[in-house]
């Protein structure tokens, strides 16, 4: 495992009991470098949506434990937030929750002269994702070909 993966896993282990205590869902944890700055981001959710107060509560508890455990070598900024409307589907629970919902898929390479597809998520497994597009065509994508899959949203 990379240093990044270790930090994310340890942070998830610390966060899980905190979010469960408040009946929130831990959506994702990421440790990323943007420019010269490292960010440790935790995304939480609950039915009806997360508030700023919810984020602050989790952030304070997590920050105290991170200071105590001190396992991250680099200086970083901690952020706790809602995953937002266009959150990507990454984990099994994301796919399961999104079955029957409209998703947007962006591929790394052109498939049938395009890289963006929208359809209803019909099925998935560890290697593929199946959607039914508006014209009724069922399309199966290899997960390795997918750059991004997220819930589609209209304004």
C-alpha atoms as a PDB file:
ATOM      1  CA  UNK A   1       0.000   0.000   0.000  1.00  0.00           C
ATOM      2  CA  UNK A   2       1.118   3.516  -0.732  1.00  0.00           C
ATOM      3  CA  UNK A   3       1.543   6.136   1.965  1.00  0.00           C
ATOM      4  CA  UNK A   4      -1.586   7.845   0.624  1.00  0.00           C
ATOM      5  CA  UNK A   5      -3.642   4.633   0.880  1.00  0.00           C
ATOM      6  CA  UNK A   6      -2.400   3.977   4.423  1.00  0.00           C
ATOM      7  CA  UNK A   7      -3.355   7.506   5.537  1.00  0.00           C
ATOM      8  CA  UNK A   8      -6.807   7.166   3.942  1.00  0.00           C
ATOM      9  CA  UNK A   9      -7.416   3.744   5.517  1.00  0.00           C
ATOM     10  CA  UNK A  10      -6.309   4.834   9.008  1.00  0.00           C
ATOM     11  CA  UNK A  11      -8.463   7.959   8.763  1.00  0.00           C
ATOM     12  CA  UNK A  12     -11.493   5.890   7.688  1.00  0.00           C
ATOM     13  CA  UNK A  13     -10.978   3.623  10.720  1.00  0.00           C
ATOM     14  CA  UNK A  14     -10.937   6.657  13.030  1.00  0.00           C
ATOM     15  CA  UNK A  15     -13.888   8.342  11.318  1.00  0.00           C
ATOM     16  CA  UNK A  16     -16.266   5.391  11.096  1.00  0.00           C
ATOM     17  CA  UNK A  17     -17.294   5.358  14.783  1.00  0.00           C
ATOM     18  CA  UNK A  18     -17.628   9.168  14.805  1.00  0.00           C
ATOM     19  CA  UNK A  19     -20.010   9.256  11.827  1.00  0.00           C
ATOM     20  CA  UNK A  20     -21.975   6.236  13.085  1.00  0.00           C
ATOM     21  CA  UNK A  21     -22.469   7.935  16.455  1.00  0.00           C
ATOM     22  CA  UNK A  22     -24.169  10.825  14.648  1.00  0.00           C
ATOM     23  CA  UNK A  23     -26.015   8.526  12.219  1.00  0.00           C
ATOM     24  CA  UNK A  24     -24.096   9.911   9.244  1.00  0.00           C
ATOM     25  CA  UNK A  25     -22.592   7.948   6.369  1.00  0.00           C
ATOM     26  CA  UNK A  26     -18.884   8.048   5.610  1.00  0.00           C
ATOM     27  CA  UNK A  27     -18.849   8.398   1.828  1.00  0.00           C
ATOM     28  CA  UNK A  28     -15.117   8.699   1.164  1.00  0.00           C
ATOM     29  CA  UNK A  29     -11.732   9.798   2.475  1.00  0.00           C
ATOM     30  CA  UNK A  30      -9.003  11.103   0.199  1.00  0.00           C
ATOM     31  CA  UNK A  31      -5.471  12.341   0.772  1.00  0.00           C
ATOM     32  CA  UNK A  32      -4.433  14.431  -2.237  1.00  0.00           C
ATOM     33  CA  UNK A  33      -1.837  16.991  -3.209  1.00  0.00           C
ATOM     34  CA  UNK A  34      -3.009  20.097  -5.033  1.00  0.00           C
ATOM     35  CA  UNK A  35      -0.176  22.377  -6.006  1.00  0.00           C
ATOM     36  CA  UNK A  36       2.225  22.252  -3.072  1.00  0.00           C
ATOM     37  CA  UNK A  37      -0.483  21.618  -0.456  1.00  0.00           C
ATOM     38  CA  UNK A  38      -1.705  18.263   0.888  1.00  0.00           C
ATOM     39  CA  UNK A  39      -5.400  17.857   1.741  1.00  0.00           C
ATOM     40  CA  UNK A  40      -7.041  15.207   3.893  1.00  0.00           C
ATOM     41  CA  UNK A  41     -10.695  15.260   2.865  1.00  0.00           C
ATOM     42  CA  UNK A  42     -13.565  13.367   4.440  1.00  0.00           C
ATOM     43  CA  UNK A  43     -16.952  13.293   2.740  1.00  0.00           C
ATOM     44  CA  UNK A  44     -19.984  12.588   4.926  1.00  0.00           C
ATOM     45  CA  UNK A  45     -23.686  12.400   4.185  1.00  0.00           C
ATOM     46  CA  UNK A  46     -27.092  11.747   5.756  1.00  0.00           C
ATOM     47  CA  UNK A  47     -30.675  11.616   4.503  1.00  0.00           C
ATOM     48  CA  UNK A  48     -31.743  15.190   3.803  1.00  0.00           C
ATOM     49  CA  UNK A  49     -28.142  16.353   3.454  1.00  0.00           C
ATOM     50  CA  UNK A  50     -25.259  17.403   5.648  1.00  0.00           C
ATOM     51  CA  UNK A  51     -25.117  20.837   7.295  1.00  0.00           C
ATOM     52  CA  UNK A  52     -22.122  23.024   8.088  1.00  0.00           C
ATOM     53  CA  UNK A  53     -22.665  22.239  11.774  1.00  0.00           C
ATOM     54  CA  UNK A  54     -22.497  18.501  11.006  1.00  0.00           C
ATOM     55  CA  UNK A  55     -19.186  19.013   9.186  1.00  0.00           C
ATOM     56  CA  UNK A  56     -17.830  21.125  12.028  1.00  0.00           C
ATOM     57  CA  UNK A  57     -18.769  18.508  14.647  1.00  0.00           C
ATOM     58  CA  UNK A  58     -17.026  15.716  12.763  1.00  0.00           C
ATOM     59  CA  UNK A  59     -14.047  17.914  11.869  1.00  0.00           C
ATOM     60  CA  UNK A  60     -13.374  18.902  15.499  1.00  0.00           C
ATOM     61  CA  UNK A  61     -13.516  15.296  16.732  1.00  0.00           C
ATOM     62  CA  UNK A  62     -11.383  14.012  13.867  1.00  0.00           C
ATOM     63  CA  UNK A  63      -8.846  16.827  14.232  1.00  0.00           C
ATOM     64  CA  UNK A  64      -8.332  16.070  17.935  1.00  0.00           C
ATOM     65  CA  UNK A  65      -7.731  12.379  17.236  1.00  0.00           C
ATOM     66  CA  UNK A  66      -5.415  13.113  14.290  1.00  0.00           C
ATOM     67  CA  UNK A  67      -3.364  15.442  16.512  1.00  0.00           C
ATOM     68  CA  UNK A  68      -3.140  12.716  19.153  1.00  0.00           C
ATOM     69  CA  UNK A  69      -2.235   9.856  16.774  1.00  0.00           C
ATOM     70  CA  UNK A  70       0.016  12.023  14.549  1.00  0.00           C
ATOM     71  CA  UNK A  71       0.534   9.399  11.809  1.00  0.00           C
ATOM     72  CA  UNK A  72       0.579  11.782   8.815  1.00  0.00           C
ATOM     73  CA  UNK A  73       4.117  12.990   8.137  1.00  0.00           C
ATOM     74  CA  UNK A  74       3.320  15.939   5.848  1.00  0.00           C
ATOM     75  CA  UNK A  75       1.648  19.212   6.746  1.00  0.00           C
ATOM     76  CA  UNK A  76      -1.931  19.087   5.428  1.00  0.00           C
ATOM     77  CA  UNK A  77      -5.286  20.829   5.506  1.00  0.00           C
ATOM     78  CA  UNK A  78      -8.228  18.866   6.924  1.00  0.00           C
ATOM     79  CA  UNK A  79     -11.584  19.294   5.185  1.00  0.00           C
ATOM     80  CA  UNK A  80     -14.875  17.621   6.112  1.00  0.00           C
ATOM     81  CA  UNK A  81     -17.732  18.213   3.686  1.00  0.00           C
ATOM     82  CA  UNK A  82     -20.739  16.876   1.849  1.00  0.00           C
ATOM     83  CA  UNK A  83     -19.877  14.839  -1.248  1.00  0.00           C
ATOM     84  CA  UNK A  84     -22.081  17.158  -3.322  1.00  0.00           C
ATOM     85  CA  UNK A  85     -24.534  16.409  -6.095  1.00  0.00           C
ATOM     86  CA  UNK A  86     -22.058  15.137  -8.638  1.00  0.00           C
ATOM     87  CA  UNK A  87     -20.223  12.733  -6.387  1.00  0.00           C
ATOM     88  CA  UNK A  88     -18.480   9.872  -8.143  1.00  0.00           C
ATOM     89  CA  UNK A  89     -19.451   6.247  -7.599  1.00  0.00           C
ATOM     90  CA  UNK A  90     -16.391   4.573  -6.126  1.00  0.00           C
ATOM     91  CA  UNK A  91     -17.404   1.864  -3.709  1.00  0.00           C
ATOM     92  CA  UNK A  92     -19.803  -1.068  -3.763  1.00  0.00           C
ATOM     93  CA  UNK A  93     -22.291   0.839  -1.578  1.00  0.00           C
ATOM     94  CA  UNK A  94     -22.284   3.766  -4.050  1.00  0.00           C
ATOM     95  CA  UNK A  95     -23.244   1.485  -6.938  1.00  0.00           C
ATOM     96  CA  UNK A  96     -25.838  -0.352  -4.857  1.00  0.00           C
ATOM     97  CA  UNK A  97     -27.485   2.898  -3.733  1.00  0.00           C
ATOM     98  CA  UNK A  98     -27.519   4.211  -7.325  1.00  0.00           C
ATOM     99  CA  UNK A  99     -29.153   1.215  -9.035  1.00  0.00           C
ATOM    100  CA  UNK A 100     -32.106   2.509 -11.038  1.00  0.00           C
ATOM    101  CA  UNK A 101     -30.756   6.076 -10.980  1.00  0.00           C
ATOM    102  CA  UNK A 102     -29.507   8.089 -13.935  1.00  0.00           C
ATOM    103  CA  UNK A 103     -25.706   8.166 -14.135  1.00  0.00           C
ATOM    104  CA  UNK A 104     -23.156   9.930 -16.276  1.00  0.00           C
ATOM    105  CA  UNK A 105     -20.162   7.947 -17.508  1.00  0.00           C
ATOM    106  CA  UNK A 106     -17.011   9.500 -18.945  1.00  0.00           C
ATOM    107  CA  UNK A 107     -14.511   7.170 -20.579  1.00  0.00           C
ATOM    108  CA  UNK A 108     -10.754   7.474 -21.033  1.00  0.00           C
ATOM    109  CA  UNK A 109     -10.955   6.695 -24.739  1.00  0.00           C
ATOM    110  CA  UNK A 110     -13.526   7.161 -27.463  1.00  0.00           C
ATOM    111  CA  UNK A 111     -16.199   4.458 -27.623  1.00  0.00           C
ATOM    112  CA  UNK A 112     -18.447   4.664 -30.672  1.00  0.00           C
ATOM    113  CA  UNK A 113     -17.005   8.147 -31.408  1.00  0.00           C
ATOM    114  CA  UNK A 114     -17.818   9.612 -27.984  1.00  0.00           C
ATOM    115  CA  UNK A 115     -16.546   9.736 -24.402  1.00  0.00           C
ATOM    116  CA  UNK A 116     -19.719  10.679 -22.477  1.00  0.00           C
ATOM    117  CA  UNK A 117     -22.750   8.486 -21.861  1.00  0.00           C
ATOM    118  CA  UNK A 118     -25.878   8.973 -19.754  1.00  0.00           C
ATOM    119  CA  UNK A 119     -28.270   6.234 -18.766  1.00  0.00           C
ATOM    120  CA  UNK A 120     -30.008   4.349 -15.986  1.00  0.00           C
ATOM    121  CA  UNK A 121     -27.654   2.189 -13.911  1.00  0.00           C
ATOM    122  CA  UNK A 122     -28.989  -1.331 -14.439  1.00  0.00           C
ATOM    123  CA  UNK A 123     -26.212  -3.560 -13.109  1.00  0.00           C
ATOM    124  CA  UNK A 124     -22.579  -3.670 -12.003  1.00  0.00           C
ATOM    125  CA  UNK A 125     -19.957  -6.115 -10.797  1.00  0.00           C
ATOM    126  CA  UNK A 126     -16.278  -5.839  -9.941  1.00  0.00           C
ATOM    127  CA  UNK A 127     -15.314  -5.438 -13.630  1.00  0.00           C
ATOM    128  CA  UNK A 128     -18.293  -3.931 -15.483  1.00  0.00           C
ATOM    129  CA  UNK A 129     -21.074  -1.352 -15.325  1.00  0.00           C
ATOM    130  CA  UNK A 130     -24.311  -1.684 -17.321  1.00  0.00           C
ATOM    131  CA  UNK A 131     -26.575   1.230 -18.215  1.00  0.00           C
ATOM    132  CA  UNK A 132     -29.720   1.588 -20.290  1.00  0.00           C
ATOM    133  CA  UNK A 133     -29.535   4.691 -22.425  1.00  0.00           C
ATOM    134  CA  UNK A 134     -32.473   6.924 -23.372  1.00  0.00           C
ATOM    135  CA  UNK A 135     -32.940   5.158 -26.715  1.00  0.00           C
ATOM    136  CA  UNK A 136     -33.363   1.815 -24.893  1.00  0.00           C
ATOM    137  CA  UNK A 137     -29.932   0.497 -25.840  1.00  0.00           C
ATOM    138  CA  UNK A 138     -28.219  -1.395 -23.023  1.00  0.00           C
ATOM    139  CA  UNK A 139     -24.484  -0.702 -22.879  1.00  0.00           C
ATOM    140  CA  UNK A 140     -21.851  -2.530 -20.828  1.00  0.00           C
ATOM    141  CA  UNK A 141     -18.634  -0.701 -19.883  1.00  0.00           C
ATOM    142  CA  UNK A 142     -15.440  -2.182 -18.508  1.00  0.00           C
ATOM    143  CA  UNK A 143     -14.611  -0.343 -15.262  1.00  0.00           C
ATOM    144  CA  UNK A 144     -11.019   0.029 -16.499  1.00  0.00           C
ATOM    145  CA  UNK A 145     -12.365   2.173 -19.381  1.00  0.00           C
ATOM    146  CA  UNK A 146     -14.319   4.503 -17.062  1.00  0.00           C
ATOM    147  CA  UNK A 147     -12.599   7.740 -16.066  1.00  0.00           C
ATOM    148  CA  UNK A 148     -15.632   8.940 -14.051  1.00  0.00           C
ATOM    149  CA  UNK A 149     -19.057   7.636 -13.144  1.00  0.00           C
ATOM    150  CA  UNK A 150     -21.401   9.767 -11.090  1.00  0.00           C
ATOM    151  CA  UNK A 151     -25.069  10.495 -10.586  1.00  0.00           C
ATOM    152  CA  UNK A 152     -26.379  12.649 -13.395  1.00  0.00           C
ATOM    153  CA  UNK A 153     -28.156  15.823 -12.405  1.00  0.00           C
ATOM    154  CA  UNK A 154     -30.219  18.369 -14.334  1.00  0.00           C
ATOM    155  CA  UNK A 155     -30.642  22.029 -13.500  1.00  0.00           C
END
